[in-house]
Protein backbone atom coordinates (compact mmCIF):
# COMPACT_ATOMS: atom_id res chain seq x y z
CA MET A 1 239.89 -40.80 -101.38
CA MET A 2 243.29 -41.95 -102.70
CA ASP A 3 245.51 -38.93 -103.42
CA SER A 4 246.95 -38.32 -106.85
CA ALA A 5 250.55 -39.10 -106.03
CA ASP A 6 249.70 -42.41 -104.34
CA PHE A 7 247.51 -43.45 -107.27
CA ASP A 8 250.16 -42.55 -109.84
CA THR A 9 252.91 -44.37 -107.95
CA ARG A 10 251.05 -47.59 -107.11
CA PHE A 11 248.46 -48.09 -109.81
CA ARG A 12 248.57 -45.91 -112.95
CA ALA A 13 251.11 -48.01 -114.93
CA ARG A 14 249.53 -51.30 -113.83
CA LEU A 15 246.09 -50.15 -114.95
CA HIS A 16 247.39 -48.92 -118.33
CA ALA A 17 248.62 -52.49 -118.95
CA LEU A 18 245.14 -53.94 -118.31
CA SER A 19 242.07 -53.81 -120.55
CA THR A 20 238.59 -53.09 -119.31
CA THR A 21 237.77 -56.74 -120.09
CA ASN A 22 240.52 -57.88 -117.69
CA LEU A 23 239.24 -55.51 -115.03
CA SER A 24 235.57 -56.37 -115.59
CA ASP A 25 236.33 -60.07 -115.19
CA ALA A 26 238.29 -59.33 -112.01
CA MET A 27 235.42 -57.30 -110.59
CA ASP A 28 233.02 -60.16 -111.37
CA SER A 29 235.33 -62.56 -109.59
CA VAL A 30 235.33 -60.43 -106.39
CA GLY A 31 231.63 -59.53 -106.59
CA ILE A 32 231.78 -55.88 -107.56
CA ALA A 33 229.61 -54.23 -110.24
CA GLY A 34 231.67 -51.68 -112.15
CA ALA A 35 231.22 -51.95 -115.91
CA VAL A 36 229.15 -49.44 -117.85
CA ILE A 37 227.78 -50.78 -121.15
CA GLY A 38 227.35 -48.62 -124.26
CA VAL A 39 229.85 -45.82 -123.54
CA ARG A 40 232.48 -45.95 -126.26
CA PRO A 41 235.35 -43.84 -127.57
CA MET A 42 234.08 -41.24 -130.02
CA PHE A 43 237.29 -41.63 -132.07
CA HIS A 44 240.44 -43.75 -131.90
CA SER A 45 242.15 -42.80 -128.67
CA PRO A 46 244.46 -44.46 -126.14
CA ARG A 47 243.25 -46.14 -122.96
CA VAL A 48 242.24 -43.57 -120.35
CA VAL A 49 243.08 -44.16 -116.68
CA GLY A 50 242.46 -41.78 -113.78
CA ARG A 51 240.53 -40.69 -110.72
CA ALA A 52 236.98 -39.53 -111.28
CA VAL A 53 235.88 -35.91 -111.02
CA THR A 54 232.13 -36.11 -111.36
CA ILE A 55 229.44 -33.89 -112.84
CA LYS A 56 225.70 -34.42 -112.31
CA ILE A 57 223.38 -33.11 -115.04
CA THR A 58 219.71 -32.13 -114.75
CA ALA A 59 217.16 -30.52 -117.05
CA ALA A 60 217.23 -26.72 -117.50
CA GLY A 61 214.23 -24.93 -116.02
CA GLU A 62 213.25 -22.37 -113.44
CA LYS A 63 216.23 -23.08 -111.21
CA LYS A 64 219.39 -21.51 -112.58
CA SER A 65 222.78 -23.15 -112.57
CA GLY A 66 225.49 -21.49 -110.49
CA ALA A 67 228.19 -22.03 -113.13
CA HIS A 68 228.50 -23.15 -116.70
CA LEU A 69 228.46 -26.92 -117.09
CA GLY A 70 231.86 -28.47 -116.42
CA VAL A 71 234.01 -25.47 -115.55
CA GLU A 72 234.13 -26.08 -111.80
CA ALA A 73 234.96 -29.72 -112.24
CA ILE A 74 237.81 -28.88 -114.60
CA ALA A 75 239.12 -26.22 -112.21
CA SER A 76 239.09 -28.73 -109.35
CA ALA A 77 240.80 -31.53 -111.27
CA GLN A 78 244.39 -32.59 -110.86
CA GLY A 79 246.66 -33.83 -113.64
CA GLY A 80 245.61 -37.23 -114.91
CA ASP A 81 242.10 -37.06 -113.45
CA VAL A 82 239.13 -38.00 -115.66
CA ILE A 83 235.94 -35.97 -115.91
CA VAL A 84 232.86 -38.18 -115.48
CA VAL A 85 229.52 -36.70 -116.63
CA SER A 86 226.24 -38.31 -115.53
CA ASN A 87 223.41 -37.42 -117.91
CA HIS A 88 221.28 -40.54 -117.40
CA GLY A 89 222.11 -42.04 -120.79
CA ASP A 90 220.44 -39.14 -122.67
CA VAL A 91 221.67 -39.27 -126.26
CA LYS A 92 219.65 -36.23 -127.45
CA ASN A 93 221.32 -33.48 -125.42
CA ASN A 94 224.97 -32.53 -125.56
CA CYS A 95 226.85 -32.03 -122.29
CA TRP A 96 230.46 -31.77 -123.43
CA GLY A 97 232.21 -30.04 -126.33
CA GLU A 98 235.27 -28.35 -127.80
CA VAL A 99 235.87 -25.52 -125.36
CA LEU A 100 235.53 -27.78 -122.33
CA SER A 101 237.90 -30.28 -123.92
CA CYS A 102 240.43 -27.51 -124.56
CA ALA A 103 240.21 -26.28 -120.94
CA ALA A 104 240.47 -29.84 -119.62
CA LYS A 105 243.49 -30.64 -121.83
CA VAL A 106 245.30 -27.47 -120.69
CA LYS A 107 244.62 -28.50 -117.04
CA GLY A 108 246.14 -31.94 -117.67
CA VAL A 109 242.90 -33.89 -117.45
CA GLY A 110 243.24 -37.34 -119.04
CA GLY A 111 239.85 -37.49 -120.77
CA VAL A 112 236.06 -37.38 -120.30
CA VAL A 113 233.50 -40.13 -119.90
CA VAL A 114 229.91 -39.13 -120.63
CA ASP A 115 226.81 -41.16 -119.85
CA GLY A 116 225.02 -39.31 -122.63
CA ALA A 117 226.03 -37.31 -125.70
CA ALA A 118 228.89 -35.02 -126.62
CA ARG A 119 229.66 -32.77 -129.60
CA ASP A 120 232.59 -31.16 -131.50
CA ILE A 121 234.07 -34.61 -131.76
CA ASP A 122 236.22 -33.65 -134.76
CA ALA A 123 237.77 -30.76 -132.81
CA CYS A 124 238.34 -32.97 -129.74
CA GLU A 125 240.08 -35.51 -131.92
CA GLU A 126 242.21 -32.82 -133.52
CA MET A 127 243.39 -31.58 -130.11
CA GLY A 128 243.93 -35.19 -128.92
CA PHE A 129 241.54 -35.08 -125.99
CA PRO A 130 239.83 -38.48 -125.44
CA VAL A 131 236.00 -38.38 -125.38
CA PHE A 132 233.98 -41.46 -124.36
CA ALA A 133 230.19 -41.11 -124.77
CA ARG A 134 227.01 -42.83 -125.97
CA ALA A 135 226.47 -40.55 -129.01
CA ALA A 136 227.43 -37.37 -130.81
CA VAL A 137 224.98 -34.53 -131.43
CA PRO A 138 225.31 -31.03 -132.88
CA ILE A 139 223.08 -29.06 -130.48
CA THR A 140 224.10 -26.86 -127.55
CA ALA A 141 223.35 -27.68 -123.95
CA ARG A 142 222.17 -24.11 -123.30
CA GLY A 143 218.49 -23.95 -122.44
CA ARG A 144 218.18 -27.72 -122.46
CA ILE A 145 220.28 -29.17 -119.62
CA MET A 146 222.51 -27.75 -116.91
CA GLN A 147 224.91 -28.79 -114.19
CA GLU A 148 223.14 -29.70 -110.98
CA ALA A 149 226.32 -30.41 -108.94
CA TYR A 150 229.94 -31.49 -109.28
CA ASN A 151 232.14 -33.78 -107.19
CA VAL A 152 229.13 -35.68 -105.90
CA THR A 153 228.14 -39.33 -106.13
CA VAL A 154 226.47 -39.98 -109.51
CA ARG A 155 225.01 -42.85 -111.47
CA MET A 156 226.76 -44.02 -114.61
CA GLY A 157 224.67 -46.68 -116.31
CA ASP A 158 223.99 -49.12 -113.50
CA VAL A 159 227.06 -48.15 -111.51
CA GLN A 160 227.33 -45.75 -108.58
CA VAL A 161 230.42 -43.54 -109.01
CA SER A 162 231.88 -41.27 -106.32
CA PRO A 163 234.62 -38.61 -106.68
CA GLY A 164 237.99 -40.31 -106.57
CA ASP A 165 236.76 -43.67 -107.87
CA VAL A 166 239.15 -45.06 -110.49
CA VAL A 167 238.12 -44.89 -114.15
CA VAL A 168 239.48 -47.04 -116.96
CA ALA A 169 238.10 -46.55 -120.46
CA ASP A 170 239.11 -48.17 -123.72
CA ILE A 171 237.63 -49.55 -126.96
CA ASN A 172 235.65 -52.16 -125.05
CA GLY A 173 233.91 -49.80 -122.64
CA VAL A 174 234.35 -48.25 -119.23
CA VAL A 175 234.84 -49.59 -115.70
CA PHE A 176 234.77 -47.81 -112.35
CA ILE A 177 236.61 -49.19 -109.33
CA PRO A 178 236.25 -47.99 -105.71
CA PRO A 179 239.68 -47.17 -104.21
CA SER A 180 239.03 -49.54 -101.31
CA LYS A 181 238.85 -52.45 -103.77
CA LEU A 182 241.53 -51.33 -106.16
CA GLU A 183 244.48 -53.46 -105.01
CA ASP A 184 242.36 -56.61 -104.97
CA VAL A 185 240.81 -55.92 -108.39
CA VAL A 186 244.12 -54.99 -110.07
CA ALA A 187 245.98 -58.01 -108.63
CA ARG A 188 243.16 -60.35 -109.74
CA ALA A 189 243.06 -58.78 -113.24
CA GLU A 190 246.81 -59.22 -113.62
CA THR A 191 246.49 -62.90 -112.70
CA LEU A 192 243.67 -63.40 -115.16
CA MET A 193 245.55 -61.61 -117.96
CA GLU A 194 248.64 -63.72 -117.33
CA LYS A 195 246.62 -66.91 -117.48
CA GLU A 196 244.96 -65.88 -120.75
CA GLU A 197 248.38 -65.04 -122.22
CA GLN A 198 249.57 -68.55 -121.24
CA MET A 199 246.49 -70.10 -122.87
CA LYS A 200 247.13 -68.21 -126.12
CA ALA A 201 250.80 -69.29 -126.07
CA ASP A 202 249.78 -72.91 -125.68
CA LEU A 203 247.26 -72.61 -128.54
CA LEU A 204 249.84 -70.97 -130.81
CA ALA A 205 252.29 -73.77 -129.94
CA GLY A 206 249.82 -76.29 -131.27
CA MET A 207 248.02 -77.52 -128.20
CA ASP A 208 244.46 -78.70 -128.87
CA VAL A 209 241.81 -76.27 -127.66
CA LEU A 210 240.08 -78.94 -125.55
CA GLU A 211 243.40 -79.75 -123.86
CA VAL A 212 243.97 -76.05 -123.15
CA ASP A 213 240.46 -75.78 -121.72
CA ARG A 214 241.10 -78.70 -119.38
CA LYS A 215 244.56 -77.45 -118.40
CA TYR A 216 243.38 -74.01 -117.32
CA ASN A 217 239.82 -74.89 -116.25
CA TYR A 218 238.64 -71.94 -118.39
CA GLU A 219 234.97 -72.16 -117.39
CA ASN A 220 235.85 -71.62 -113.71
CA MET A 221 238.65 -69.06 -114.07
CA LEU A 222 236.67 -66.30 -112.35
CA LYS A 223 236.08 -68.33 -109.21
CA LYS A 224 238.29 -67.53 -106.28
């Protein structure tokens, strides 16, 4: 796992300059699946970048949870980390709300990404804590779902996410990048973004779209 200081020094600013679309294209070009579809910001918030602290959710039942959902993950997080909650895409049961957002914000957590539903969205927006989820619901998690484990490998959409994987979330969606692939993905995304900026500059300067397409070989940009 990449430590917090190394990540902040080498990658945080570079990732903040890239959109999830840049990163998703870069991951496609190097053969990595990392984009989660359908998880969106619950209100207008800045791009979120950080290392994943994971939570795995299961149904409530005979087995009792050892701790309230989320508190151990928040306690273990370092500044700038992102809480990642795996609830199997369930949009009927809440697994994140106002009090957890307050605790996470105080700890310096950068945001939460939920493969499922959250609540208290108005309060989260008021305190400025970014929430990315599939839906908002009013009901409590108590008696419905519980935390099975934290800081374990989880599934987010069709992507396997481990503690310490890099999370980038924005208006377009969410991507997860393994630390071992981070340098390659970021460098490739920067190259693709620069090429797209050059294409737009040529178009704005009056170059015909077909000429731009031929010049940059747009259809094959993702090929190595």
